[in-house]
Amino acid sequence: MNETRVTVHGNVVSDPVERLGRSGHVFTTFRIATTPFRRTADGKFVDLDTSFYSVIVFNALAANVAASLHKGQPVVVEGNLSIKQYLGTDGQQRTSAEIDADHVGHDLSWGRAAFERVSRAAALGHDRTADPDVRDAVAKMAGDGRPANVDENGVVLDGSDEVDAAGEGPDSPPASLLGDPETDDYDVEQVPA
């Protein structure tokens, strides 16, 4: 493929905006600016012209960028460079450099950042742990990761220690000795009419 790959170090100049595309995929756009500098013959550094780039990212990267980047932060962006022509609001033909980014991150040569691993599903909002039923089930679990009705030996507690409506309590024979009416063989007595 004849793509122009670029890596640009710069600063975010517009807060990322997350959108939903027509196909239902998430994408995020933002702009970055980079100002190269050069050393002159007398040893001084001078800034050259500032270049601006529009950046577009898709899917999980888009969601993570929208949650992580803010205006003014230093970033490193890597992706495919393309030049777009468009008609400005004043009717003049304009040119814009756009990077379809594969990788975006904070430029740590200028500061510190904290990293939090997030699954793609969580980044895109498809995380099952966000489901209220799943949260309720997790909340019902004991602190050691087992359901509240299971003891530390893995035995399911069915509440048989309590006295039921028939007056049977903890001294009644266990249900395992009474048999299972659905699976055990039994005789049907004929009642004379």
N, C-alpha and C. Protein backbone atom coordinates (compact mmCIF):
# COMPACT_ATOMS: atom_id res chain seq x y z
N MET A 1 0.83 -1.18 0.00
CA MET A 1 0.00 0.00 0.00
C MET A 1 0.88 1.24 0.00
N ASN A 2 0.38 2.27 -0.61
CA ASN A 2 1.11 3.52 -0.67
C ASN A 2 0.56 4.51 0.34
N GLU A 3 0.80 4.23 1.60
CA GLU A 3 0.33 5.10 2.67
C GLU A 3 1.52 5.83 3.26
N THR A 4 1.28 7.04 3.71
CA THR A 4 2.32 7.82 4.36
C THR A 4 2.14 7.67 5.86
N ARG A 5 3.05 6.94 6.50
CA ARG A 5 3.00 6.75 7.94
C ARG A 5 3.76 7.89 8.62
N VAL A 6 3.16 8.45 9.67
CA VAL A 6 3.80 9.55 10.39
C VAL A 6 3.71 9.30 11.90
N THR A 7 4.65 9.85 12.61
CA THR A 7 4.61 9.93 14.06
C THR A 7 4.79 11.39 14.41
N VAL A 8 3.81 11.95 15.10
CA VAL A 8 3.83 13.38 15.40
C VAL A 8 3.80 13.56 16.91
N HIS A 9 4.73 14.39 17.42
CA HIS A 9 4.76 14.78 18.82
C HIS A 9 4.22 16.20 18.88
N GLY A 10 3.22 16.41 19.71
CA GLY A 10 2.65 17.75 19.78
C GLY A 10 1.76 17.90 20.99
N ASN A 11 0.96 18.95 20.98
CA ASN A 11 0.03 19.24 22.07
C ASN A 11 -1.40 19.21 21.54
N VAL A 12 -2.29 18.70 22.37
CA VAL A 12 -3.72 18.68 22.02
C VAL A 12 -4.22 20.12 22.07
N VAL A 13 -4.83 20.60 20.99
CA VAL A 13 -5.32 21.99 20.96
C VAL A 13 -6.84 22.08 20.97
N SER A 14 -7.51 20.93 20.92
CA SER A 14 -8.97 20.93 21.09
C SER A 14 -9.35 19.65 21.83
N ASP A 15 -10.26 19.80 22.78
CA ASP A 15 -10.68 18.61 23.53
C ASP A 15 -11.26 17.57 22.57
N PRO A 16 -10.93 16.29 22.79
CA PRO A 16 -11.47 15.23 21.93
C PRO A 16 -13.00 15.19 21.99
N VAL A 17 -13.60 14.96 20.82
CA VAL A 17 -15.06 14.85 20.72
C VAL A 17 -15.39 13.45 20.23
N GLU A 18 -16.14 12.73 21.04
CA GLU A 18 -16.53 11.35 20.70
C GLU A 18 -17.88 11.38 20.01
N ARG A 19 -17.99 10.63 18.89
CA ARG A 19 -19.24 10.59 18.12
C ARG A 19 -19.55 9.15 17.74
N LEU A 20 -20.78 8.95 17.30
CA LEU A 20 -21.22 7.65 16.81
C LEU A 20 -21.43 7.77 15.31
N GLY A 21 -20.75 6.92 14.54
CA GLY A 21 -20.86 6.95 13.08
C GLY A 21 -22.16 6.35 12.59
N ARG A 22 -22.42 6.49 11.29
CA ARG A 22 -23.65 5.94 10.70
C ARG A 22 -23.72 4.43 10.84
N SER A 23 -22.56 3.78 10.82
CA SER A 23 -22.53 2.31 10.93
C SER A 23 -22.63 1.85 12.38
N GLY A 24 -22.67 2.78 13.33
CA GLY A 24 -22.79 2.43 14.73
C GLY A 24 -21.45 2.34 15.45
N HIS A 25 -20.35 2.58 14.75
CA HIS A 25 -19.03 2.53 15.36
C HIS A 25 -18.68 3.88 15.98
N VAL A 26 -17.95 3.83 17.09
CA VAL A 26 -17.52 5.03 17.78
C VAL A 26 -16.28 5.59 17.10
N PHE A 27 -16.22 6.93 16.96
CA PHE A 27 -14.99 7.57 16.51
C PHE A 27 -14.82 8.87 17.28
N THR A 28 -13.56 9.27 17.42
CA THR A 28 -13.23 10.48 18.16
C THR A 28 -12.30 11.34 17.32
N THR A 29 -12.53 12.64 17.34
CA THR A 29 -11.68 13.58 16.62
C THR A 29 -11.11 14.60 17.59
N PHE A 30 -9.89 15.05 17.29
CA PHE A 30 -9.28 16.15 18.02
C PHE A 30 -8.18 16.73 17.15
N ARG A 31 -7.63 17.86 17.57
CA ARG A 31 -6.55 18.50 16.80
C ARG A 31 -5.31 18.60 17.67
N ILE A 32 -4.17 18.46 17.00
CA ILE A 32 -2.90 18.65 17.68
C ILE A 32 -2.07 19.67 16.92
N ALA A 33 -1.17 20.31 17.64
CA ALA A 33 -0.25 21.27 17.04
C ALA A 33 1.17 20.88 17.42
N THR A 34 2.08 21.04 16.49
CA THR A 34 3.48 20.78 16.76
C THR A 34 4.32 21.92 16.23
N THR A 35 5.26 22.36 17.04
CA THR A 35 6.14 23.46 16.65
C THR A 35 7.58 22.97 16.74
N PRO A 36 8.18 22.71 15.59
CA PRO A 36 9.59 22.28 15.63
C PRO A 36 10.51 23.46 15.97
N PHE A 37 11.69 23.15 16.47
CA PHE A 37 12.66 24.22 16.76
C PHE A 37 14.01 23.81 16.19
N ARG A 38 14.82 24.82 15.91
CA ARG A 38 16.15 24.59 15.35
C ARG A 38 17.15 25.45 16.11
N ARG A 39 18.38 25.00 16.10
CA ARG A 39 19.46 25.77 16.70
C ARG A 39 20.10 26.63 15.61
N THR A 40 20.23 27.87 15.89
CA THR A 40 20.86 28.79 14.93
C THR A 40 22.38 28.70 15.06
N ALA A 41 23.06 29.39 14.16
CA ALA A 41 24.53 29.37 14.15
C ALA A 41 25.13 29.93 15.43
N ASP A 42 24.42 30.85 16.10
CA ASP A 42 24.95 31.43 17.34
C ASP A 42 24.57 30.59 18.58
N GLY A 43 23.93 29.41 18.37
CA GLY A 43 23.62 28.50 19.48
C GLY A 43 22.26 28.68 20.11
N LYS A 44 21.47 29.61 19.63
CA LYS A 44 20.13 29.83 20.19
C LYS A 44 19.13 28.91 19.49
N PHE A 45 18.06 28.60 20.23
CA PHE A 45 16.98 27.82 19.65
C PHE A 45 15.88 28.76 19.21
N VAL A 46 15.34 28.53 18.02
CA VAL A 46 14.22 29.33 17.53
C VAL A 46 13.10 28.40 17.09
N ASP A 47 11.88 28.85 17.34
CA ASP A 47 10.71 28.08 16.91
C ASP A 47 10.47 28.30 15.43
N LEU A 48 10.10 27.22 14.74
CA LEU A 48 9.71 27.32 13.34
C LEU A 48 8.20 27.42 13.27
N ASP A 49 7.63 27.33 12.09
CA ASP A 49 6.18 27.45 11.92
C ASP A 49 5.46 26.28 12.58
N THR A 50 4.33 26.59 13.20
CA THR A 50 3.51 25.57 13.85
C THR A 50 2.65 24.87 12.81
N SER A 51 2.59 23.55 12.90
CA SER A 51 1.73 22.75 12.01
C SER A 51 0.58 22.18 12.83
N PHE A 52 -0.61 22.19 12.24
CA PHE A 52 -1.79 21.66 12.89
C PHE A 52 -2.26 20.41 12.14
N TYR A 53 -2.70 19.41 12.89
CA TYR A 53 -3.19 18.16 12.31
C TYR A 53 -4.53 17.81 12.95
N SER A 54 -5.47 17.40 12.12
CA SER A 54 -6.71 16.82 12.63
C SER A 54 -6.43 15.33 12.82
N VAL A 55 -6.90 14.77 13.93
CA VAL A 55 -6.66 13.36 14.23
C VAL A 55 -8.02 12.68 14.38
N ILE A 56 -8.14 11.50 13.78
CA ILE A 56 -9.34 10.70 13.93
C ILE A 56 -8.94 9.30 14.37
N VAL A 57 -9.67 8.77 15.35
CA VAL A 57 -9.43 7.42 15.86
C VAL A 57 -10.77 6.70 15.96
N PHE A 58 -10.74 5.38 15.91
CA PHE A 58 -11.96 4.59 15.86
C PHE A 58 -12.01 3.54 16.97
N ASN A 59 -13.23 3.09 17.26
CA ASN A 59 -13.54 1.96 18.14
C ASN A 59 -12.99 2.15 19.55
N ALA A 60 -12.34 1.12 20.12
CA ALA A 60 -11.89 1.19 21.52
C ALA A 60 -10.88 2.30 21.72
N LEU A 61 -9.99 2.50 20.74
CA LEU A 61 -9.01 3.59 20.85
C LEU A 61 -9.74 4.93 20.94
N ALA A 62 -10.82 5.09 20.18
CA ALA A 62 -11.60 6.33 20.21
C ALA A 62 -12.19 6.57 21.59
N ALA A 63 -12.75 5.54 22.19
CA ALA A 63 -13.34 5.68 23.52
C ALA A 63 -12.28 5.99 24.56
N ASN A 64 -11.12 5.34 24.47
CA ASN A 64 -10.05 5.59 25.43
C ASN A 64 -9.46 6.98 25.26
N VAL A 65 -9.31 7.45 24.03
CA VAL A 65 -8.80 8.80 23.78
C VAL A 65 -9.77 9.84 24.35
N ALA A 66 -11.06 9.65 24.12
CA ALA A 66 -12.05 10.60 24.62
C ALA A 66 -12.03 10.68 26.14
N ALA A 67 -11.74 9.56 26.80
CA ALA A 67 -11.72 9.53 28.26
C ALA A 67 -10.39 10.00 28.85
N SER A 68 -9.32 10.00 28.05
CA SER A 68 -7.99 10.23 28.59
C SER A 68 -7.34 11.56 28.24
N LEU A 69 -7.60 12.08 27.04
CA LEU A 69 -6.89 13.27 26.59
C LEU A 69 -7.70 14.54 26.84
N HIS A 70 -6.96 15.61 27.11
CA HIS A 70 -7.57 16.93 27.31
C HIS A 70 -6.71 17.99 26.62
N LYS A 71 -7.33 19.09 26.32
CA LYS A 71 -6.65 20.21 25.67
C LYS A 71 -5.42 20.62 26.47
N GLY A 72 -4.30 20.82 25.76
CA GLY A 72 -3.07 21.26 26.39
C GLY A 72 -2.09 20.15 26.73
N GLN A 73 -2.53 18.90 26.69
CA GLN A 73 -1.65 17.79 27.05
C GLN A 73 -0.72 17.42 25.90
N PRO A 74 0.54 17.06 26.22
CA PRO A 74 1.47 16.61 25.18
C PRO A 74 1.16 15.17 24.79
N VAL A 75 1.16 14.88 23.48
CA VAL A 75 0.82 13.55 22.99
C VAL A 75 1.78 13.12 21.88
N VAL A 76 1.79 11.82 21.65
CA VAL A 76 2.47 11.23 20.51
C VAL A 76 1.39 10.49 19.72
N VAL A 77 1.29 10.80 18.43
CA VAL A 77 0.27 10.21 17.58
C VAL A 77 0.97 9.52 16.41
N GLU A 78 0.57 8.28 16.14
CA GLU A 78 1.12 7.55 14.99
C GLU A 78 -0.04 7.05 14.14
N GLY A 79 0.11 7.22 12.82
CA GLY A 79 -0.95 6.75 11.92
C GLY A 79 -0.68 7.12 10.49
N ASN A 80 -1.72 7.03 9.67
CA ASN A 80 -1.62 7.34 8.24
C ASN A 80 -1.99 8.80 8.00
N LEU A 81 -1.12 9.49 7.28
CA LEU A 81 -1.35 10.90 6.96
C LEU A 81 -2.07 11.01 5.64
N SER A 82 -3.07 11.88 5.60
CA SER A 82 -3.74 12.19 4.34
C SER A 82 -4.01 13.69 4.30
N ILE A 83 -4.07 14.22 3.09
CA ILE A 83 -4.35 15.64 2.89
C ILE A 83 -5.76 15.76 2.34
N LYS A 84 -6.59 16.50 3.02
CA LYS A 84 -8.00 16.67 2.63
C LYS A 84 -8.22 18.06 2.08
N GLN A 85 -8.98 18.15 1.01
CA GLN A 85 -9.38 19.43 0.42
C GLN A 85 -10.84 19.67 0.80
N TYR A 86 -11.16 20.88 1.19
CA TYR A 86 -12.54 21.21 1.51
C TYR A 86 -12.80 22.67 1.20
N LEU A 87 -14.07 23.01 1.12
CA LEU A 87 -14.50 24.38 0.84
C LEU A 87 -14.84 25.05 2.15
N GLY A 88 -14.17 26.14 2.48
CA GLY A 88 -14.40 26.86 3.73
C GLY A 88 -15.72 27.60 3.72
N THR A 89 -16.11 28.10 4.88
CA THR A 89 -17.38 28.83 4.99
C THR A 89 -17.34 30.13 4.20
N ASP A 90 -16.13 30.62 3.92
CA ASP A 90 -15.99 31.85 3.14
C ASP A 90 -15.92 31.56 1.64
N GLY A 91 -16.09 30.28 1.24
CA GLY A 91 -16.08 29.92 -0.17
C GLY A 91 -14.68 29.64 -0.72
N GLN A 92 -13.65 29.77 0.10
CA GLN A 92 -12.28 29.53 -0.33
C GLN A 92 -11.92 28.04 -0.20
N GLN A 93 -11.13 27.56 -1.14
CA GLN A 93 -10.63 26.19 -1.09
C GLN A 93 -9.57 26.08 0.01
N ARG A 94 -9.70 25.09 0.89
CA ARG A 94 -8.78 24.91 2.02
C ARG A 94 -8.17 23.52 1.98
N THR A 95 -7.07 23.37 2.68
CA THR A 95 -6.37 22.10 2.78
C THR A 95 -6.16 21.78 4.25
N SER A 96 -6.38 20.51 4.62
CA SER A 96 -6.21 20.09 6.00
C SER A 96 -5.42 18.78 6.02
N ALA A 97 -4.47 18.68 6.95
CA ALA A 97 -3.72 17.44 7.14
C ALA A 97 -4.44 16.63 8.21
N GLU A 98 -4.76 15.36 7.89
CA GLU A 98 -5.49 14.51 8.81
C GLU A 98 -4.72 13.22 9.06
N ILE A 99 -4.67 12.82 10.32
CA ILE A 99 -4.01 11.57 10.69
C ILE A 99 -5.07 10.59 11.14
N ASP A 100 -5.15 9.45 10.45
CA ASP A 100 -6.00 8.33 10.87
C ASP A 100 -5.12 7.51 11.81
N ALA A 101 -5.26 7.73 13.11
CA ALA A 101 -4.30 7.23 14.09
C ALA A 101 -4.55 5.78 14.49
N ASP A 102 -3.45 5.05 14.62
CA ASP A 102 -3.46 3.68 15.15
C ASP A 102 -3.02 3.67 16.61
N HIS A 103 -2.17 4.63 16.98
CA HIS A 103 -1.62 4.70 18.34
C HIS A 103 -1.63 6.15 18.81
N VAL A 104 -2.10 6.34 20.04
CA VAL A 104 -2.12 7.67 20.65
C VAL A 104 -1.72 7.49 22.11
N GLY A 105 -0.83 8.35 22.58
CA GLY A 105 -0.45 8.28 23.99
C GLY A 105 0.11 9.59 24.47
N HIS A 106 0.16 9.73 25.78
CA HIS A 106 0.76 10.91 26.37
C HIS A 106 2.27 10.88 26.12
N ASP A 107 2.86 12.04 25.88
CA ASP A 107 4.30 12.17 25.70
C ASP A 107 4.91 12.33 27.09
N LEU A 108 5.48 11.25 27.61
CA LEU A 108 5.96 11.24 28.99
C LEU A 108 7.28 11.97 29.18
N SER A 109 7.84 12.52 28.11
CA SER A 109 9.03 13.35 28.29
C SER A 109 8.65 14.70 28.91
N TRP A 110 7.36 15.01 28.98
CA TRP A 110 6.89 16.27 29.53
C TRP A 110 6.15 16.12 30.85
N GLY A 111 5.94 14.90 31.31
CA GLY A 111 5.21 14.73 32.57
C GLY A 111 4.90 13.27 32.83
N ARG A 112 4.01 13.03 33.78
CA ARG A 112 3.62 11.68 34.19
C ARG A 112 2.18 11.41 33.82
N ALA A 113 1.89 10.14 33.62
CA ALA A 113 0.50 9.72 33.36
C ALA A 113 0.27 8.40 34.07
N ALA A 114 -0.95 8.13 34.44
CA ALA A 114 -1.32 6.86 35.06
C ALA A 114 -2.04 6.02 34.03
N PHE A 115 -1.73 4.73 34.00
CA PHE A 115 -2.32 3.83 33.02
C PHE A 115 -3.34 2.94 33.71
N GLU A 116 -4.49 2.76 33.08
CA GLU A 116 -5.52 1.86 33.59
C GLU A 116 -5.94 0.95 32.45
N ARG A 117 -5.73 -0.36 32.63
CA ARG A 117 -6.11 -1.31 31.60
C ARG A 117 -7.64 -1.45 31.58
N VAL A 118 -8.21 -1.32 30.39
CA VAL A 118 -9.65 -1.42 30.20
C VAL A 118 -9.89 -2.33 29.01
N SER A 119 -10.81 -3.27 29.16
CA SER A 119 -11.13 -4.15 28.03
C SER A 119 -11.79 -3.36 26.92
N ARG A 120 -11.71 -3.89 25.71
CA ARG A 120 -12.37 -3.21 24.58
C ARG A 120 -13.86 -3.08 24.82
N ALA A 121 -14.46 -4.14 25.38
CA ALA A 121 -15.89 -4.11 25.65
C ALA A 121 -16.23 -3.00 26.65
N ALA A 122 -15.42 -2.85 27.69
CA ALA A 122 -15.68 -1.81 28.68
C ALA A 122 -15.48 -0.42 28.06
N ALA A 123 -14.46 -0.27 27.23
CA ALA A 123 -14.20 1.02 26.59
C ALA A 123 -15.36 1.44 25.70
N LEU A 124 -15.97 0.47 25.03
CA LEU A 124 -17.06 0.77 24.10
C LEU A 124 -18.43 0.75 24.77
N GLY A 125 -18.46 0.50 26.09
CA GLY A 125 -19.72 0.51 26.81
C GLY A 125 -20.50 -0.79 26.73
N HIS A 126 -19.83 -1.88 26.35
CA HIS A 126 -20.49 -3.19 26.26
C HIS A 126 -20.09 -4.07 27.42
N ASP A 127 -19.75 -3.50 28.54
CA ASP A 127 -19.26 -4.24 29.68
C ASP A 127 -20.43 -4.88 30.42
N ARG A 128 -20.40 -6.20 30.60
CA ARG A 128 -21.49 -6.88 31.28
C ARG A 128 -21.57 -6.50 32.75
N THR A 129 -20.47 -6.07 33.33
CA THR A 129 -20.53 -5.69 34.74
C THR A 129 -21.32 -4.40 34.96
N ALA A 130 -21.63 -3.70 33.88
CA ALA A 130 -22.47 -2.50 33.99
C ALA A 130 -23.95 -2.87 34.06
N ASP A 131 -24.30 -4.11 33.72
CA ASP A 131 -25.68 -4.58 33.77
C ASP A 131 -26.14 -4.64 35.23
N PRO A 132 -27.28 -4.02 35.57
CA PRO A 132 -27.74 -4.01 36.96
C PRO A 132 -27.93 -5.41 37.54
N ASP A 133 -28.38 -6.38 36.75
CA ASP A 133 -28.56 -7.74 37.27
C ASP A 133 -27.23 -8.36 37.65
N VAL A 134 -26.20 -8.11 36.83
CA VAL A 134 -24.88 -8.65 37.14
C VAL A 134 -24.33 -7.97 38.40
N ARG A 135 -24.52 -6.66 38.51
CA ARG A 135 -24.05 -5.95 39.70
C ARG A 135 -24.73 -6.47 40.96
N ASP A 136 -26.05 -6.74 40.87
CA ASP A 136 -26.76 -7.29 42.02
C ASP A 136 -26.22 -8.65 42.41
N ALA A 137 -25.94 -9.50 41.41
CA ALA A 137 -25.40 -10.82 41.70
C ALA A 137 -24.02 -10.73 42.36
N VAL A 138 -23.20 -9.81 41.88
CA VAL A 138 -21.87 -9.63 42.47
C VAL A 138 -22.00 -9.07 43.88
N ALA A 139 -22.95 -8.18 44.11
CA ALA A 139 -23.13 -7.60 45.44
C ALA A 139 -23.59 -8.65 46.44
N LYS A 140 -24.30 -9.67 45.98
CA LYS A 140 -24.79 -10.73 46.86
C LYS A 140 -23.70 -11.72 47.22
N MET A 141 -22.58 -11.64 46.52
CA MET A 141 -21.50 -12.57 46.81
C MET A 141 -20.81 -12.17 48.10
N ALA A 142 -20.32 -13.18 48.83
CA ALA A 142 -19.58 -12.92 50.07
C ALA A 142 -18.23 -12.30 49.71
N GLY A 143 -17.55 -11.80 50.68
CA GLY A 143 -16.27 -11.14 50.46
C GLY A 143 -15.21 -12.02 49.84
N ASP A 144 -15.33 -13.35 49.96
CA ASP A 144 -14.31 -14.22 49.40
C ASP A 144 -14.67 -14.74 48.02
N GLY A 145 -15.65 -14.14 47.38
CA GLY A 145 -15.98 -14.48 46.00
C GLY A 145 -16.97 -15.62 45.85
N ARG A 146 -17.64 -16.01 46.92
CA ARG A 146 -18.63 -17.08 46.81
C ARG A 146 -20.02 -16.50 47.09
N PRO A 147 -21.05 -17.12 46.52
CA PRO A 147 -22.41 -16.64 46.80
C PRO A 147 -22.72 -16.70 48.29
N ALA A 148 -23.63 -15.88 48.74
CA ALA A 148 -23.95 -15.78 50.17
C ALA A 148 -24.55 -17.06 50.72
N ASN A 149 -25.18 -17.91 49.88
CA ASN A 149 -25.79 -19.13 50.40
C ASN A 149 -24.87 -20.35 50.26
N VAL A 150 -23.56 -20.14 50.07
CA VAL A 150 -22.59 -21.22 49.99
C VAL A 150 -21.57 -21.02 51.10
N ASP A 151 -21.36 -22.09 51.93
CA ASP A 151 -20.40 -21.93 53.02
C ASP A 151 -18.97 -22.10 52.52
N GLU A 152 -18.00 -21.96 53.44
CA GLU A 152 -16.58 -22.00 53.06
C GLU A 152 -16.14 -23.36 52.51
N ASN A 153 -16.94 -24.42 52.74
CA ASN A 153 -16.61 -25.74 52.21
C ASN A 153 -17.29 -26.02 50.87
N GLY A 154 -18.04 -25.05 50.38
CA GLY A 154 -18.71 -25.21 49.10
C GLY A 154 -20.08 -25.85 49.20
N VAL A 155 -20.59 -26.03 50.43
CA VAL A 155 -21.90 -26.65 50.64
C VAL A 155 -22.97 -25.57 50.50
N VAL A 156 -23.98 -25.86 49.66
CA VAL A 156 -25.06 -24.91 49.46
C VAL A 156 -26.00 -24.96 50.65
N LEU A 157 -26.20 -23.82 51.27
CA LEU A 157 -27.11 -23.71 52.41
C LEU A 157 -28.50 -23.40 51.88
N ASP A 158 -29.45 -24.31 52.18
CA ASP A 158 -30.79 -24.12 51.65
C ASP A 158 -31.77 -23.60 52.69
N GLY A 159 -31.26 -23.21 53.85
CA GLY A 159 -32.14 -22.67 54.88
C GLY A 159 -32.86 -23.76 55.65
N SER A 160 -32.40 -25.04 55.60
CA SER A 160 -33.10 -26.13 56.27
C SER A 160 -32.94 -26.06 57.78
N ASP A 161 -32.07 -25.20 58.29
CA ASP A 161 -31.92 -25.06 59.73
C ASP A 161 -33.06 -24.27 60.33
N GLU A 162 -33.87 -23.67 59.49
CA GLU A 162 -34.98 -22.88 59.99
C GLU A 162 -36.23 -23.76 60.06
N VAL A 163 -37.16 -23.42 60.93
CA VAL A 163 -38.41 -24.16 61.04
C VAL A 163 -39.32 -23.71 59.91
N ASP A 164 -39.82 -24.68 59.12
CA ASP A 164 -40.67 -24.32 58.00
C ASP A 164 -42.13 -24.28 58.42
N ALA A 165 -43.03 -24.04 57.48
CA ALA A 165 -44.46 -23.88 57.76
C ALA A 165 -45.07 -25.16 58.31
N ALA A 166 -44.52 -26.34 57.99
CA ALA A 166 -45.07 -27.62 58.47
C ALA A 166 -44.57 -27.94 59.86
N GLY A 167 -43.74 -27.10 60.45
CA GLY A 167 -43.25 -27.35 61.80
C GLY A 167 -42.01 -28.21 61.83
N GLU A 168 -41.44 -28.52 60.67
CA GLU A 168 -40.22 -29.32 60.65
C GLU A 168 -39.03 -28.38 60.79
N GLY A 169 -38.09 -28.78 61.59
CA GLY A 169 -36.94 -27.92 61.85
C GLY A 169 -35.65 -28.69 61.72
N PRO A 170 -34.63 -28.25 62.45
CA PRO A 170 -33.31 -28.84 62.33
C PRO A 170 -33.25 -30.30 62.77
N ASP A 171 -34.22 -30.78 63.59
CA ASP A 171 -34.19 -32.17 64.02
C ASP A 171 -34.87 -33.10 63.04
N SER A 172 -35.47 -32.58 61.97
CA SER A 172 -36.12 -33.41 60.95
C SER A 172 -35.05 -34.13 60.14
N PRO A 173 -35.38 -35.29 59.54
CA PRO A 173 -34.39 -35.99 58.73
C PRO A 173 -34.00 -35.15 57.52
N PRO A 174 -32.74 -35.21 57.09
CA PRO A 174 -32.33 -34.42 55.94
C PRO A 174 -33.11 -34.80 54.70
N ALA A 175 -33.25 -33.85 53.80
CA ALA A 175 -34.02 -34.06 52.58
C ALA A 175 -33.44 -35.20 51.76
N SER A 176 -32.11 -35.46 51.86
CA SER A 176 -31.51 -36.54 51.08
C SER A 176 -32.01 -37.90 51.51
N LEU A 177 -32.50 -38.05 52.78
CA LEU A 177 -33.04 -39.33 53.23
C LEU A 177 -34.51 -39.48 52.87
N LEU A 178 -35.16 -38.41 52.56
CA LEU A 178 -36.58 -38.47 52.23
C LEU A 178 -36.80 -38.86 50.77
N GLY A 179 -35.80 -38.75 49.96
CA GLY A 179 -35.94 -39.10 48.56
C GLY A 179 -36.35 -37.92 47.71
N ASP A 180 -36.30 -38.16 46.41
CA ASP A 180 -36.64 -37.13 45.44
C ASP A 180 -37.85 -37.61 44.66
N PRO A 181 -38.99 -36.96 44.79
CA PRO A 181 -40.20 -37.43 44.13
C PRO A 181 -40.11 -37.40 42.60
N GLU A 182 -39.20 -36.63 42.04
CA GLU A 182 -39.10 -36.56 40.59
C GLU A 182 -38.26 -37.67 40.00
N THR A 183 -37.32 -38.22 40.77
CA THR A 183 -36.41 -39.22 40.20
C THR A 183 -36.53 -40.58 40.84
N ASP A 184 -37.07 -40.69 42.05
CA ASP A 184 -37.16 -41.99 42.73
C ASP A 184 -38.37 -42.78 42.23
N ASP A 185 -38.21 -44.13 42.24
CA ASP A 185 -39.34 -44.99 41.91
C ASP A 185 -40.32 -44.99 43.08
N TYR A 186 -41.59 -45.07 42.77
CA TYR A 186 -42.58 -45.13 43.83
C TYR A 186 -43.80 -45.89 43.31
N ASP A 187 -44.55 -46.41 44.26
CA ASP A 187 -45.77 -47.17 43.92
C ASP A 187 -46.96 -46.26 44.08
N VAL A 188 -47.88 -46.43 43.15
CA VAL A 188 -49.12 -45.66 43.20
C VAL A 188 -50.20 -46.59 43.74
N GLU A 189 -50.81 -46.20 44.84
CA GLU A 189 -51.87 -47.02 45.41
C GLU A 189 -53.18 -46.68 44.73
N GLN A 190 -53.89 -47.70 44.36
CA GLN A 190 -55.20 -47.52 43.77
C GLN A 190 -56.23 -47.32 44.89
N VAL A 191 -56.94 -46.25 44.82
CA VAL A 191 -57.98 -45.97 45.81
C VAL A 191 -59.29 -46.50 45.22
N PRO A 192 -59.97 -47.43 46.00
CA PRO A 192 -61.24 -47.95 45.47
C PRO A 192 -62.30 -46.84 45.34
N ALA A 193 -63.08 -46.94 44.30
CA ALA A 193 -64.09 -45.94 44.03
C ALA A 193 -65.36 -46.20 44.77
